[in-house]
N, C-alpha and C. Protein backbone atom coordinates (compact mmCIF):
# COMPACT_ATOMS: atom_id res chain seq x y z
N UNK A 1 -4.31 8.84 12.58
CA UNK A 1 -4.07 10.28 12.60
C UNK A 1 -4.01 10.83 11.18
N UNK A 2 -3.40 10.09 10.27
CA UNK A 2 -3.27 10.56 8.89
C UNK A 2 -4.63 10.75 8.23
N UNK A 3 -5.57 9.84 8.49
CA UNK A 3 -6.90 9.99 7.89
C UNK A 3 -7.63 11.19 8.46
N UNK A 4 -7.43 11.48 9.72
CA UNK A 4 -8.06 12.66 10.33
C UNK A 4 -7.52 13.93 9.67
N UNK A 5 -6.22 13.96 9.41
CA UNK A 5 -5.61 15.11 8.74
C UNK A 5 -6.13 15.23 7.31
N UNK A 6 -6.21 14.11 6.60
CA UNK A 6 -6.75 14.12 5.23
C UNK A 6 -8.18 14.63 5.22
N UNK A 7 -8.94 14.25 6.21
CA UNK A 7 -10.32 14.71 6.33
C UNK A 7 -10.36 16.23 6.45
N UNK A 8 -9.50 16.78 7.28
CA UNK A 8 -9.45 18.23 7.44
C UNK A 8 -9.01 18.94 6.18
N UNK A 9 -8.03 18.37 5.47
CA UNK A 9 -7.54 18.99 4.24
C UNK A 9 -8.57 18.93 3.12
N UNK A 10 -9.38 17.89 3.11
CA UNK A 10 -10.36 17.73 2.04
C UNK A 10 -11.71 18.34 2.33
N UNK A 11 -11.90 18.87 3.52
CA UNK A 11 -13.22 19.35 3.94
C UNK A 11 -13.74 20.51 3.11
N UNK A 12 -12.85 21.33 2.55
CA UNK A 12 -13.33 22.51 1.82
C UNK A 12 -14.04 22.16 0.52
N UNK A 13 -13.77 21.00 -0.04
CA UNK A 13 -14.45 20.62 -1.29
C UNK A 13 -14.85 19.14 -1.30
N UNK A 14 -15.20 18.65 -0.15
CA UNK A 14 -15.67 17.27 0.01
C UNK A 14 -14.72 16.23 -0.57
N UNK A 15 -13.44 16.42 -0.33
CA UNK A 15 -12.44 15.42 -0.68
C UNK A 15 -12.14 15.25 -2.15
N UNK A 16 -12.55 16.20 -2.99
CA UNK A 16 -12.36 16.05 -4.42
C UNK A 16 -10.92 16.23 -4.88
N UNK A 17 -10.08 16.85 -4.06
CA UNK A 17 -8.70 17.08 -4.50
C UNK A 17 -7.67 16.36 -3.63
N UNK A 18 -8.10 15.32 -2.94
CA UNK A 18 -7.14 14.54 -2.16
C UNK A 18 -7.11 13.10 -2.67
N UNK A 19 -5.96 12.50 -2.54
CA UNK A 19 -5.79 11.08 -2.85
C UNK A 19 -5.20 10.41 -1.62
N UNK A 20 -5.72 9.26 -1.29
CA UNK A 20 -5.22 8.51 -0.15
C UNK A 20 -4.68 7.19 -0.67
N UNK A 21 -3.38 6.98 -0.46
CA UNK A 21 -2.72 5.75 -0.90
C UNK A 21 -2.33 4.97 0.35
N UNK A 22 -2.74 3.73 0.41
CA UNK A 22 -2.43 2.87 1.56
C UNK A 22 -1.44 1.79 1.12
N UNK A 23 -0.33 1.70 1.84
CA UNK A 23 0.73 0.73 1.53
C UNK A 23 0.99 -0.12 2.77
N UNK A 24 1.79 -1.17 2.58
CA UNK A 24 2.15 -2.03 3.71
C UNK A 24 0.93 -2.66 4.34
N UNK A 25 0.78 -2.47 5.65
CA UNK A 25 -0.38 -3.02 6.38
C UNK A 25 -1.52 -2.00 6.51
N UNK A 26 -1.32 -0.80 6.00
CA UNK A 26 -2.33 0.27 6.14
C UNK A 26 -3.72 -0.09 5.61
N UNK A 27 -3.86 -0.93 4.57
CA UNK A 27 -5.21 -1.27 4.12
C UNK A 27 -6.08 -1.92 5.20
N UNK A 28 -5.46 -2.44 6.25
CA UNK A 28 -6.26 -3.02 7.34
C UNK A 28 -7.09 -1.95 8.06
N UNK A 29 -6.78 -0.67 7.85
CA UNK A 29 -7.62 0.39 8.39
C UNK A 29 -9.03 0.34 7.80
N UNK A 30 -9.15 -0.26 6.62
CA UNK A 30 -10.44 -0.36 5.94
C UNK A 30 -11.08 -1.73 6.10
N UNK A 31 -10.53 -2.55 6.97
CA UNK A 31 -11.02 -3.92 7.15
C UNK A 31 -12.40 -3.92 7.80
N UNK A 32 -13.19 -4.89 7.39
CA UNK A 32 -14.51 -5.06 7.98
C UNK A 32 -14.41 -5.28 9.49
N UNK A 33 -13.39 -6.01 9.91
CA UNK A 33 -13.15 -6.28 11.33
C UNK A 33 -12.00 -5.39 11.80
N UNK A 34 -12.32 -4.35 12.54
CA UNK A 34 -11.29 -3.39 12.99
C UNK A 34 -11.04 -3.47 14.49
N UNK A 35 -11.37 -4.59 15.11
CA UNK A 35 -11.23 -4.74 16.56
C UNK A 35 -9.80 -4.60 17.05
N UNK A 36 -8.81 -4.98 16.23
CA UNK A 36 -7.42 -4.95 16.66
C UNK A 36 -6.72 -3.61 16.39
N UNK A 37 -7.44 -2.65 15.83
CA UNK A 37 -6.84 -1.37 15.47
C UNK A 37 -6.86 -0.43 16.68
N UNK A 38 -5.71 0.16 16.97
CA UNK A 38 -5.62 1.15 18.04
C UNK A 38 -6.41 2.38 17.60
N UNK A 39 -7.17 2.96 18.49
CA UNK A 39 -7.99 4.13 18.20
C UNK A 39 -9.04 3.87 17.13
N UNK A 40 -9.58 2.66 17.11
CA UNK A 40 -10.58 2.29 16.11
C UNK A 40 -11.81 3.19 16.17
N UNK A 41 -12.13 3.71 17.36
CA UNK A 41 -13.31 4.57 17.49
C UNK A 41 -13.13 5.87 16.70
N UNK A 42 -11.90 6.37 16.61
CA UNK A 42 -11.63 7.56 15.80
C UNK A 42 -11.81 7.23 14.33
N UNK A 43 -11.32 6.08 13.93
CA UNK A 43 -11.46 5.62 12.55
C UNK A 43 -12.93 5.47 12.19
N UNK A 44 -13.70 4.87 13.07
CA UNK A 44 -15.13 4.68 12.82
C UNK A 44 -15.87 6.01 12.69
N UNK A 45 -15.34 7.03 13.32
CA UNK A 45 -15.96 8.35 13.26
C UNK A 45 -15.66 9.04 11.92
N UNK A 46 -14.46 8.86 11.38
CA UNK A 46 -14.03 9.61 10.20
C UNK A 46 -14.25 8.89 8.87
N UNK A 47 -14.14 7.57 8.84
CA UNK A 47 -14.29 6.85 7.57
C UNK A 47 -15.62 7.10 6.87
N UNK A 48 -16.74 7.18 7.59
CA UNK A 48 -18.01 7.44 6.90
C UNK A 48 -18.03 8.74 6.09
N UNK A 49 -17.23 9.71 6.49
CA UNK A 49 -17.18 10.96 5.73
C UNK A 49 -16.54 10.71 4.37
N UNK A 50 -15.45 9.95 4.33
CA UNK A 50 -14.82 9.62 3.05
C UNK A 50 -15.77 8.82 2.17
N UNK A 51 -16.53 7.92 2.77
CA UNK A 51 -17.52 7.14 2.02
C UNK A 51 -18.57 8.08 1.43
N UNK A 52 -19.06 9.02 2.23
CA UNK A 52 -20.06 9.98 1.76
C UNK A 52 -19.52 10.82 0.61
N UNK A 53 -18.27 11.23 0.71
CA UNK A 53 -17.65 12.02 -0.35
C UNK A 53 -17.34 11.19 -1.60
N UNK A 54 -17.26 9.87 -1.47
CA UNK A 54 -16.86 9.02 -2.59
C UNK A 54 -15.36 9.03 -2.82
N UNK A 55 -14.60 9.41 -1.81
CA UNK A 55 -13.14 9.46 -1.92
C UNK A 55 -12.59 8.04 -2.05
N UNK A 56 -11.86 7.75 -3.14
CA UNK A 56 -11.30 6.41 -3.26
C UNK A 56 -10.04 6.25 -2.41
N UNK A 57 -9.83 5.04 -1.95
CA UNK A 57 -8.60 4.68 -1.25
C UNK A 57 -7.79 3.83 -2.23
N UNK A 58 -6.63 4.31 -2.61
CA UNK A 58 -5.77 3.58 -3.52
C UNK A 58 -4.94 2.60 -2.69
N UNK A 59 -4.99 1.34 -3.08
CA UNK A 59 -4.30 0.27 -2.35
C UNK A 59 -3.11 -0.20 -3.19
N UNK A 60 -1.91 -0.03 -2.64
CA UNK A 60 -0.71 -0.49 -3.35
C UNK A 60 -0.84 -1.98 -3.64
N UNK A 61 -0.47 -2.37 -4.85
CA UNK A 61 -0.69 -3.77 -5.25
C UNK A 61 0.13 -4.76 -4.44
N UNK A 62 1.21 -4.28 -3.80
CA UNK A 62 2.02 -5.19 -2.98
C UNK A 62 1.69 -5.06 -1.49
N UNK A 63 0.63 -4.36 -1.16
CA UNK A 63 0.24 -4.17 0.25
C UNK A 63 -0.46 -5.41 0.79
N UNK A 64 -0.39 -5.57 2.10
CA UNK A 64 -1.17 -6.62 2.77
C UNK A 64 -2.61 -6.14 2.84
N UNK A 65 -3.53 -7.01 2.49
CA UNK A 65 -4.93 -6.59 2.49
C UNK A 65 -5.78 -7.54 3.33
N UNK A 66 -6.83 -7.00 3.94
CA UNK A 66 -7.74 -7.85 4.71
C UNK A 66 -8.59 -8.69 3.77
N UNK A 67 -9.24 -9.70 4.32
CA UNK A 67 -10.12 -10.54 3.50
C UNK A 67 -11.29 -9.74 2.96
N UNK A 68 -11.81 -8.82 3.77
CA UNK A 68 -12.96 -8.02 3.36
C UNK A 68 -12.77 -6.58 3.80
N UNK A 69 -13.08 -5.67 2.87
CA UNK A 69 -13.08 -4.26 3.21
C UNK A 69 -14.46 -3.86 3.71
N UNK A 70 -14.53 -2.74 4.41
CA UNK A 70 -15.81 -2.21 4.87
C UNK A 70 -16.73 -1.98 3.68
N UNK A 71 -18.01 -2.18 3.90
CA UNK A 71 -18.99 -1.94 2.84
C UNK A 71 -18.96 -0.46 2.46
N UNK A 72 -19.15 -0.19 1.20
CA UNK A 72 -19.26 1.16 0.65
C UNK A 72 -17.94 1.92 0.53
N UNK A 73 -16.84 1.38 1.03
CA UNK A 73 -15.54 2.04 0.86
C UNK A 73 -15.06 1.76 -0.56
N UNK A 74 -14.68 2.82 -1.28
CA UNK A 74 -14.19 2.68 -2.65
C UNK A 74 -12.69 2.42 -2.60
N UNK A 75 -12.26 1.27 -3.12
CA UNK A 75 -10.83 0.95 -3.19
C UNK A 75 -10.44 0.75 -4.65
N UNK A 76 -9.21 1.15 -4.95
CA UNK A 76 -8.68 0.97 -6.30
C UNK A 76 -7.22 0.54 -6.17
N UNK A 77 -6.80 -0.44 -6.95
CA UNK A 77 -5.39 -0.84 -6.90
C UNK A 77 -4.51 0.23 -7.56
N UNK A 78 -3.28 0.33 -7.07
CA UNK A 78 -2.33 1.29 -7.65
C UNK A 78 -0.94 0.64 -7.65
N UNK A 79 -0.24 0.77 -8.75
CA UNK A 79 1.10 0.20 -8.87
C UNK A 79 2.14 1.17 -8.29
N UNK A 80 3.33 0.66 -8.07
CA UNK A 80 4.43 1.50 -7.58
C UNK A 80 4.72 2.62 -8.56
N UNK A 81 4.69 2.31 -9.85
CA UNK A 81 4.94 3.34 -10.87
C UNK A 81 3.86 4.42 -10.83
N UNK A 82 2.61 4.02 -10.64
CA UNK A 82 1.51 4.99 -10.56
C UNK A 82 1.63 5.86 -9.30
N UNK A 83 2.09 5.26 -8.20
CA UNK A 83 2.32 6.04 -6.98
C UNK A 83 3.39 7.10 -7.24
N UNK A 84 4.46 6.72 -7.93
CA UNK A 84 5.54 7.66 -8.25
C UNK A 84 5.02 8.83 -9.08
N UNK A 85 4.22 8.53 -10.09
CA UNK A 85 3.65 9.58 -10.95
C UNK A 85 2.74 10.50 -10.13
N UNK A 86 1.92 9.91 -9.26
CA UNK A 86 1.02 10.71 -8.43
C UNK A 86 1.80 11.64 -7.51
N UNK A 87 2.88 11.14 -6.93
CA UNK A 87 3.70 11.97 -6.04
C UNK A 87 4.38 13.11 -6.80
N UNK A 88 4.86 12.81 -8.01
CA UNK A 88 5.53 13.83 -8.81
C UNK A 88 4.58 14.92 -9.26
N UNK A 89 3.33 14.59 -9.49
CA UNK A 89 2.37 15.57 -10.01
C UNK A 89 1.59 16.29 -8.91
N UNK A 90 1.77 15.90 -7.67
CA UNK A 90 1.00 16.49 -6.57
C UNK A 90 1.53 17.88 -6.21
N UNK A 91 0.61 18.76 -5.83
CA UNK A 91 1.01 20.08 -5.32
C UNK A 91 1.65 19.95 -3.95
N UNK A 92 1.06 19.11 -3.12
CA UNK A 92 1.53 18.86 -1.76
C UNK A 92 1.41 17.38 -1.46
N UNK A 93 2.29 16.90 -0.61
CA UNK A 93 2.27 15.49 -0.24
C UNK A 93 2.54 15.36 1.25
N UNK A 94 1.74 14.55 1.91
CA UNK A 94 1.98 14.18 3.30
C UNK A 94 2.18 12.67 3.32
N UNK A 95 3.25 12.23 3.92
CA UNK A 95 3.53 10.80 4.00
C UNK A 95 3.65 10.41 5.47
N UNK A 96 2.90 9.40 5.86
CA UNK A 96 2.94 8.90 7.23
C UNK A 96 3.41 7.45 7.18
N UNK A 97 4.27 7.08 8.09
CA UNK A 97 4.71 5.68 8.13
C UNK A 97 4.70 5.18 9.55
């Protein structure tokens, strides 16, 4: 659901002003094998838009990660300190857990 909302918020400028940070087990949303994900068909519908936009997915360095991410998905590691700075400097923040 969070990615669908991010897609809507970023649609006006092709995702250039949104940042998506994945923590905990959330990076599995970008796994090459998404068979175990609830509502995977919704994910498969929306992820290609982020790929087209070139929107990076920031992966917390202490997050659980799959062995392989989907092809063409841009991922970048982010530290806890960098997440804090990003949250402090953001105009708006949505957090889903």
